[in-house]
């Protein structure tokens, strides 16, 4: 997994573990996928915008997010 600016909640950590496990069950393994993570926390919209720009600049095939604020 890539950069993590602040710490994810325990619930978020469990989601990441479940997500990675599901990918492995589908034949995707660490090394064939690059994970980059950003944790804005606290509803900081400027931080979310900054992280969104960083992630888009990496040219990913997929961006996964949770929470209504980060989706907007």
C-alpha atoms as a PDB file:
ATOM      1  CA  UNK A   1       0.000   0.000   0.000  1.00  0.00           C
ATOM      2  CA  UNK A   2       1.225   3.479  -0.736  1.00  0.00           C
ATOM      3  CA  UNK A   3       1.204   6.691   1.201  1.00  0.00           C
ATOM      4  CA  UNK A   4      -1.032   7.092   4.224  1.00  0.00           C
ATOM      5  CA  UNK A   5      -0.996  10.641   5.563  1.00  0.00           C
ATOM      6  CA  UNK A   6      -3.066  10.113   8.686  1.00  0.00           C
ATOM      7  CA  UNK A   7      -4.174   6.896  10.332  1.00  0.00           C
ATOM      8  CA  UNK A   8      -7.279   5.050   9.213  1.00  0.00           C
ATOM      9  CA  UNK A   9      -9.887   4.084  11.770  1.00  0.00           C
ATOM     10  CA  UNK A  10     -10.016   0.461  12.928  1.00  0.00           C
ATOM     11  CA  UNK A  11     -13.166   0.046  10.815  1.00  0.00           C
ATOM     12  CA  UNK A  12     -11.363   1.380   7.743  1.00  0.00           C
ATOM     13  CA  UNK A  13      -8.479  -1.007   8.343  1.00  0.00           C
ATOM     14  CA  UNK A  14     -10.923  -3.922   8.396  1.00  0.00           C
ATOM     15  CA  UNK A  15     -12.445  -2.737   5.116  1.00  0.00           C
ATOM     16  CA  UNK A  16      -9.015  -2.621   3.489  1.00  0.00           C
ATOM     17  CA  UNK A  17      -8.182  -6.128   4.697  1.00  0.00           C
ATOM     18  CA  UNK A  18     -11.521  -7.446   3.391  1.00  0.00           C
ATOM     19  CA  UNK A  19     -11.061  -5.638   0.064  1.00  0.00           C
ATOM     20  CA  UNK A  20      -7.560  -7.046  -0.447  1.00  0.00           C
ATOM     21  CA  UNK A  21      -8.704 -10.537   0.565  1.00  0.00           C
ATOM     22  CA  UNK A  22     -11.536 -10.396  -1.963  1.00  0.00           C
ATOM     23  CA  UNK A  23      -9.125  -9.305  -4.695  1.00  0.00           C
ATOM     24  CA  UNK A  24      -6.795 -12.193  -3.836  1.00  0.00           C
ATOM     25  CA  UNK A  25      -9.723 -14.623  -4.036  1.00  0.00           C
ATOM     26  CA  UNK A  26     -10.370 -13.267  -7.540  1.00  0.00           C
ATOM     27  CA  UNK A  27      -6.770 -13.957  -8.545  1.00  0.00           C
ATOM     28  CA  UNK A  28      -5.232 -10.560  -7.877  1.00  0.00           C
ATOM     29  CA  UNK A  29      -2.177 -10.692  -5.655  1.00  0.00           C
ATOM     30  CA  UNK A  30      -0.006  -8.088  -3.975  1.00  0.00           C
ATOM     31  CA  UNK A  31       2.550  -7.045  -6.529  1.00  0.00           C
ATOM     32  CA  UNK A  32       0.082  -7.126  -9.404  1.00  0.00           C
ATOM     33  CA  UNK A  33      -1.869  -4.216  -7.910  1.00  0.00           C
ATOM     34  CA  UNK A  34      -0.556  -0.929  -6.600  1.00  0.00           C
ATOM     35  CA  UNK A  35      -2.460   0.523  -3.644  1.00  0.00           C
ATOM     36  CA  UNK A  36      -2.272   4.199  -2.741  1.00  0.00           C
ATOM     37  CA  UNK A  37      -4.196   5.381   0.312  1.00  0.00           C
ATOM     38  CA  UNK A  38      -5.061   8.781   1.680  1.00  0.00           C
ATOM     39  CA  UNK A  39      -6.913   9.436   4.934  1.00  0.00           C
ATOM     40  CA  UNK A  40      -8.370  12.904   5.259  1.00  0.00           C
ATOM     41  CA  UNK A  41     -10.409  12.365   8.408  1.00  0.00           C
ATOM     42  CA  UNK A  42     -12.430  15.051  10.111  1.00  0.00           C
ATOM     43  CA  UNK A  43     -14.193  16.227   6.957  1.00  0.00           C
ATOM     44  CA  UNK A  44     -11.344  18.498   5.814  1.00  0.00           C
ATOM     45  CA  UNK A  45     -12.550  19.323   2.291  1.00  0.00           C
ATOM     46  CA  UNK A  46      -9.298  21.031   1.258  1.00  0.00           C
ATOM     47  CA  UNK A  47      -7.283  17.990   2.273  1.00  0.00           C
ATOM     48  CA  UNK A  48      -9.717  15.767   0.341  1.00  0.00           C
ATOM     49  CA  UNK A  49      -9.277  17.925  -2.761  1.00  0.00           C
ATOM     50  CA  UNK A  50      -5.497  17.792  -2.430  1.00  0.00           C
ATOM     51  CA  UNK A  51      -5.518  14.010  -2.087  1.00  0.00           C
ATOM     52  CA  UNK A  52      -7.929  13.599  -5.003  1.00  0.00           C
ATOM     53  CA  UNK A  53      -5.585  15.606  -7.230  1.00  0.00           C
ATOM     54  CA  UNK A  54      -2.605  13.521  -6.089  1.00  0.00           C
ATOM     55  CA  UNK A  55      -4.382  10.266  -6.840  1.00  0.00           C
ATOM     56  CA  UNK A  56      -5.731  11.372 -10.230  1.00  0.00           C
ATOM     57  CA  UNK A  57      -2.223  12.517 -11.213  1.00  0.00           C
ATOM     58  CA  UNK A  58      -1.003   8.940 -10.695  1.00  0.00           C
ATOM     59  CA  UNK A  59      -3.248   7.831 -13.578  1.00  0.00           C
ATOM     60  CA  UNK A  60      -5.016   4.976 -11.805  1.00  0.00           C
ATOM     61  CA  UNK A  61      -7.428   2.573 -13.440  1.00  0.00           C
ATOM     62  CA  UNK A  62      -9.674   2.736 -10.373  1.00  0.00           C
ATOM     63  CA  UNK A  63     -10.182   5.032  -7.405  1.00  0.00           C
ATOM     64  CA  UNK A  64     -12.097   3.566  -4.477  1.00  0.00           C
ATOM     65  CA  UNK A  65     -13.542   5.844  -1.851  1.00  0.00           C
ATOM     66  CA  UNK A  66     -16.028   5.699   0.978  1.00  0.00           C
ATOM     67  CA  UNK A  67     -18.041   8.365   2.681  1.00  0.00           C
ATOM     68  CA  UNK A  68     -20.348  10.874   1.064  1.00  0.00           C
ATOM     69  CA  UNK A  69     -17.947  13.819   1.436  1.00  0.00           C
ATOM     70  CA  UNK A  70     -15.089  12.061  -0.352  1.00  0.00           C
ATOM     71  CA  UNK A  71     -17.408  10.896  -3.121  1.00  0.00           C
ATOM     72  CA  UNK A  72     -18.575  14.445  -3.792  1.00  0.00           C
END
